[in-house]
């Protein structure tokens, strides 16, 4: 899987890679509302450190969507689809529009390798753009 964070404050897009080995792991079993910390390395990561949301954490899963198709559509197409999917779930989960929120979103998406192993899931997550830890869930906070 690959991971991307979008930073509106700096108007820059930062891409970080998470590579799933194609087998089920914690990354592939994340659920909406799960809180997690960034992994220690972005090289060949198959899981992320899950954290209870009442504890300080880096990210919170705000939505899950499935991509379709038999052939991998390419990195750019997957990124565009993920952006659209995550914007659409952001307001429903957080309670305010992405543009008006104090939070940013990122996503975990299939790579060409994990796609060939059956991975089609886009995992949308929110985080504090200053990289400060979040304590408590952001669901419905309208922040």
C-alpha atoms as a PDB file:
ATOM      1  CA  UNK A   1       0.000   0.000   0.000  1.00  0.00           C
ATOM      2  CA  UNK A   2       1.177   3.537  -0.415  1.00  0.00           C
ATOM      3  CA  UNK A   3       0.443   6.347   1.983  1.00  0.00           C
ATOM      4  CA  UNK A   4      -0.005  10.013   1.208  1.00  0.00           C
ATOM      5  CA  UNK A   5      -0.682  13.032   3.342  1.00  0.00           C
ATOM      6  CA  UNK A   6      -2.033  16.278   1.950  1.00  0.00           C
ATOM      7  CA  UNK A   7      -0.934  19.545   3.577  1.00  0.00           C
ATOM      8  CA  UNK A   8      -3.146  22.502   2.665  1.00  0.00           C
ATOM      9  CA  UNK A   9      -1.282  24.936   4.921  1.00  0.00           C
ATOM     10  CA  UNK A  10       1.930  24.625   2.955  1.00  0.00           C
ATOM     11  CA  UNK A  11       0.101  23.969  -0.318  1.00  0.00           C
ATOM     12  CA  UNK A  12       2.430  21.030  -0.836  1.00  0.00           C
ATOM     13  CA  UNK A  13       1.715  17.380  -1.341  1.00  0.00           C
ATOM     14  CA  UNK A  14       3.990  14.966   0.433  1.00  0.00           C
ATOM     15  CA  UNK A  15       4.049  11.340  -0.616  1.00  0.00           C
ATOM     16  CA  UNK A  16       5.199   8.586   1.691  1.00  0.00           C
ATOM     17  CA  UNK A  17       5.182   4.932   0.737  1.00  0.00           C
ATOM     18  CA  UNK A  18       3.835   2.006   2.665  1.00  0.00           C
ATOM     19  CA  UNK A  19       4.269  -1.255   0.837  1.00  0.00           C
ATOM     20  CA  UNK A  20       1.970  -4.090   1.788  1.00  0.00           C
ATOM     21  CA  UNK A  21       3.293  -7.538   1.102  1.00  0.00           C
ATOM     22  CA  UNK A  22      -0.040  -8.599  -0.360  1.00  0.00           C
ATOM     23  CA  UNK A  23      -0.950 -10.674   2.670  1.00  0.00           C
ATOM     24  CA  UNK A  24      -3.411  -9.719   5.347  1.00  0.00           C
ATOM     25  CA  UNK A  25      -1.835  -7.534   7.978  1.00  0.00           C
ATOM     26  CA  UNK A  26      -2.892  -4.768  10.294  1.00  0.00           C
ATOM     27  CA  UNK A  27      -2.775  -2.166   7.507  1.00  0.00           C
ATOM     28  CA  UNK A  28      -5.238  -4.209   5.486  1.00  0.00           C
ATOM     29  CA  UNK A  29      -7.522  -4.780   8.474  1.00  0.00           C
ATOM     30  CA  UNK A  30      -7.902  -1.165   9.660  1.00  0.00           C
ATOM     31  CA  UNK A  31     -11.503  -0.122  10.307  1.00  0.00           C
ATOM     32  CA  UNK A  32     -13.275   3.246  10.372  1.00  0.00           C
ATOM     33  CA  UNK A  33     -12.611   4.881  13.727  1.00  0.00           C
ATOM     34  CA  UNK A  34      -9.295   3.092  14.316  1.00  0.00           C
ATOM     35  CA  UNK A  35      -6.534   5.358  15.576  1.00  0.00           C
ATOM     36  CA  UNK A  36      -2.916   4.662  14.735  1.00  0.00           C
ATOM     37  CA  UNK A  37       0.564   6.129  14.879  1.00  0.00           C
ATOM     38  CA  UNK A  38       2.900   6.566  11.960  1.00  0.00           C
ATOM     39  CA  UNK A  39       5.092   3.532  11.402  1.00  0.00           C
ATOM     40  CA  UNK A  40       8.775   3.842  12.383  1.00  0.00           C
ATOM     41  CA  UNK A  41       9.804   3.463   8.734  1.00  0.00           C
ATOM     42  CA  UNK A  42       8.064   3.868   5.404  1.00  0.00           C
ATOM     43  CA  UNK A  43       9.932   0.981   3.810  1.00  0.00           C
ATOM     44  CA  UNK A  44       7.948  -2.237   3.326  1.00  0.00           C
ATOM     45  CA  UNK A  45       5.428  -1.660   6.093  1.00  0.00           C
ATOM     46  CA  UNK A  46       2.662  -4.218   6.482  1.00  0.00           C
ATOM     47  CA  UNK A  47       1.133  -2.846   9.669  1.00  0.00           C
ATOM     48  CA  UNK A  48       0.848   0.343  11.678  1.00  0.00           C
ATOM     49  CA  UNK A  49       0.901   0.827  15.452  1.00  0.00           C
ATOM     50  CA  UNK A  50      -2.765   0.904  16.471  1.00  0.00           C
ATOM     51  CA  UNK A  51      -3.598   3.105  19.454  1.00  0.00           C
ATOM     52  CA  UNK A  52      -6.738   3.542  21.533  1.00  0.00           C
ATOM     53  CA  UNK A  53      -8.224   6.871  20.437  1.00  0.00           C
ATOM     54  CA  UNK A  54      -8.326   8.140  24.032  1.00  0.00           C
ATOM     55  CA  UNK A  55      -4.506   8.000  23.958  1.00  0.00           C
ATOM     56  CA  UNK A  56      -2.383  10.468  21.946  1.00  0.00           C
ATOM     57  CA  UNK A  57      -2.119   9.269  18.330  1.00  0.00           C
ATOM     58  CA  UNK A  58      -1.087  10.486  14.864  1.00  0.00           C
ATOM     59  CA  UNK A  59      -3.989   9.398  12.646  1.00  0.00           C
ATOM     60  CA  UNK A  60      -7.627   8.269  12.663  1.00  0.00           C
ATOM     61  CA  UNK A  61      -9.305   6.204   9.938  1.00  0.00           C
ATOM     62  CA  UNK A  62     -12.255   8.210   8.597  1.00  0.00           C
ATOM     63  CA  UNK A  63     -13.409   6.012   5.729  1.00  0.00           C
ATOM     64  CA  UNK A  64     -12.853   2.896   3.646  1.00  0.00           C
ATOM     65  CA  UNK A  65     -13.641   2.527  -0.038  1.00  0.00           C
ATOM     66  CA  UNK A  66     -12.984  -0.171  -2.628  1.00  0.00           C
ATOM     67  CA  UNK A  67     -11.483   0.444  -6.049  1.00  0.00           C
ATOM     68  CA  UNK A  68     -12.594  -1.754  -8.925  1.00  0.00           C
ATOM     69  CA  UNK A  69     -11.064  -3.243 -12.018  1.00  0.00           C
ATOM     70  CA  UNK A  70      -8.865  -6.148 -12.888  1.00  0.00           C
ATOM     71  CA  UNK A  71      -5.809  -4.195 -14.010  1.00  0.00           C
ATOM     72  CA  UNK A  72      -3.888  -1.721 -11.841  1.00  0.00           C
ATOM     73  CA  UNK A  73      -4.955   1.743 -13.095  1.00  0.00           C
ATOM     74  CA  UNK A  74      -1.579   3.348 -12.340  1.00  0.00           C
ATOM     75  CA  UNK A  75      -0.219   5.435  -9.484  1.00  0.00           C
ATOM     76  CA  UNK A  76      -1.649   8.748 -10.716  1.00  0.00           C
ATOM     77  CA  UNK A  77      -5.139   7.344 -11.301  1.00  0.00           C
ATOM     78  CA  UNK A  78      -5.162   5.635  -7.898  1.00  0.00           C
ATOM     79  CA  UNK A  79      -4.034   8.878  -6.226  1.00  0.00           C
ATOM     80  CA  UNK A  80      -6.792  10.873  -7.928  1.00  0.00           C
ATOM     81  CA  UNK A  81      -9.444   8.318  -6.993  1.00  0.00           C
ATOM     82  CA  UNK A  82      -8.199   8.267  -3.390  1.00  0.00           C
ATOM     83  CA  UNK A  83      -8.295  12.077  -3.149  1.00  0.00           C
ATOM     84  CA  UNK A  84     -11.895  12.147  -4.363  1.00  0.00           C
ATOM     85  CA  UNK A  85     -12.943   9.310  -2.064  1.00  0.00           C
ATOM     86  CA  UNK A  86     -11.313  10.835   1.015  1.00  0.00           C
ATOM     87  CA  UNK A  87     -12.758  14.309   0.454  1.00  0.00           C
ATOM     88  CA  UNK A  88     -16.197  12.718   0.195  1.00  0.00           C
ATOM     89  CA  UNK A  89     -15.922  10.846   3.525  1.00  0.00           C
ATOM     90  CA  UNK A  90     -14.142  13.631   5.424  1.00  0.00           C
ATOM     91  CA  UNK A  91     -17.150  15.887   6.123  1.00  0.00           C
ATOM     92  CA  UNK A  92     -19.406  12.969   7.014  1.00  0.00           C
ATOM     93  CA  UNK A  93     -16.922  11.690   9.590  1.00  0.00           C
ATOM     94  CA  UNK A  94     -15.491  14.905  11.049  1.00  0.00           C
ATOM     95  CA  UNK A  95     -18.638  17.001  10.799  1.00  0.00           C
ATOM     96  CA  UNK A  96     -17.217  19.892   8.803  1.00  0.00           C
ATOM     97  CA  UNK A  97     -15.844  20.317   5.307  1.00  0.00           C
ATOM     98  CA  UNK A  98     -12.236  19.466   4.635  1.00  0.00           C
ATOM     99  CA  UNK A  99     -11.555  23.104   3.696  1.00  0.00           C
ATOM    100  CA  UNK A 100     -12.949  24.415   7.007  1.00  0.00           C
ATOM    101  CA  UNK A 101     -11.391  21.748   9.211  1.00  0.00           C
ATOM    102  CA  UNK A 102      -8.356  21.992  11.457  1.00  0.00           C
ATOM    103  CA  UNK A 103      -7.423  18.495  10.213  1.00  0.00           C
ATOM    104  CA  UNK A 104      -5.947  17.211   6.983  1.00  0.00           C
ATOM    105  CA  UNK A 105      -6.464  13.881   5.288  1.00  0.00           C
ATOM    106  CA  UNK A 106      -4.216  11.246   3.864  1.00  0.00           C
ATOM    107  CA  UNK A 107      -4.747   7.823   2.431  1.00  0.00           C
ATOM    108  CA  UNK A 108      -3.408   4.319   2.147  1.00  0.00           C
ATOM    109  CA  UNK A 109      -3.857   2.849  -1.333  1.00  0.00           C
ATOM    110  CA  UNK A 110      -2.880  -0.307  -3.166  1.00  0.00           C
ATOM    111  CA  UNK A 111       0.410  -0.438  -5.031  1.00  0.00           C
ATOM    112  CA  UNK A 112       0.723  -2.364  -8.266  1.00  0.00           C
ATOM    113  CA  UNK A 113       2.179  -5.254  -6.251  1.00  0.00           C
ATOM    114  CA  UNK A 114      -0.580  -5.376  -3.643  1.00  0.00           C
ATOM    115  CA  UNK A 115      -3.195  -4.905  -6.403  1.00  0.00           C
ATOM    116  CA  UNK A 116      -2.062  -8.123  -8.059  1.00  0.00           C
ATOM    117  CA  UNK A 117      -2.545  -9.839  -4.679  1.00  0.00           C
ATOM    118  CA  UNK A 118      -6.173  -8.629  -4.522  1.00  0.00           C
ATOM    119  CA  UNK A 119      -5.810  -5.368  -2.558  1.00  0.00           C
ATOM    120  CA  UNK A 120      -8.333  -2.758  -3.765  1.00  0.00           C
ATOM    121  CA  UNK A 121      -8.945  -0.815  -0.546  1.00  0.00           C
ATOM    122  CA  UNK A 122      -8.501   2.922  -0.061  1.00  0.00           C
ATOM    123  CA  UNK A 123      -8.105   3.763   3.622  1.00  0.00           C
ATOM    124  CA  UNK A 124      -8.757   7.450   4.336  1.00  0.00           C
ATOM    125  CA  UNK A 125      -7.396   8.928   7.553  1.00  0.00           C
ATOM    126  CA  UNK A 126      -7.242  12.336   9.222  1.00  0.00           C
ATOM    127  CA  UNK A 127      -4.374  13.901  11.143  1.00  0.00           C
ATOM    128  CA  UNK A 128      -3.218  17.210  12.603  1.00  0.00           C
ATOM    129  CA  UNK A 129      -1.236  19.101   9.922  1.00  0.00           C
ATOM    130  CA  UNK A 130       1.235  20.349  12.569  1.00  0.00           C
ATOM    131  CA  UNK A 131       1.972  16.676  13.347  1.00  0.00           C
ATOM    132  CA  UNK A 132       0.819  17.207  16.926  1.00  0.00           C
ATOM    133  CA  UNK A 133      -0.679  14.100  18.512  1.00  0.00           C
ATOM    134  CA  UNK A 134      -4.467  13.957  18.673  1.00  0.00           C
ATOM    135  CA  UNK A 135      -6.110  12.818  21.904  1.00  0.00           C
ATOM    136  CA  UNK A 136      -9.649  11.486  21.575  1.00  0.00           C
ATOM    137  CA  UNK A 137     -11.633  10.770  18.447  1.00  0.00           C
ATOM    138  CA  UNK A 138     -12.292  13.517  15.926  1.00  0.00           C
ATOM    139  CA  UNK A 139     -15.530  11.863  14.777  1.00  0.00           C
ATOM    140  CA  UNK A 140     -18.311  14.466  14.736  1.00  0.00           C
ATOM    141  CA  UNK A 141     -16.204  17.197  16.350  1.00  0.00           C
ATOM    142  CA  UNK A 142     -16.704  19.658  13.471  1.00  0.00           C
ATOM    143  CA  UNK A 143     -13.135  20.775  14.123  1.00  0.00           C
END
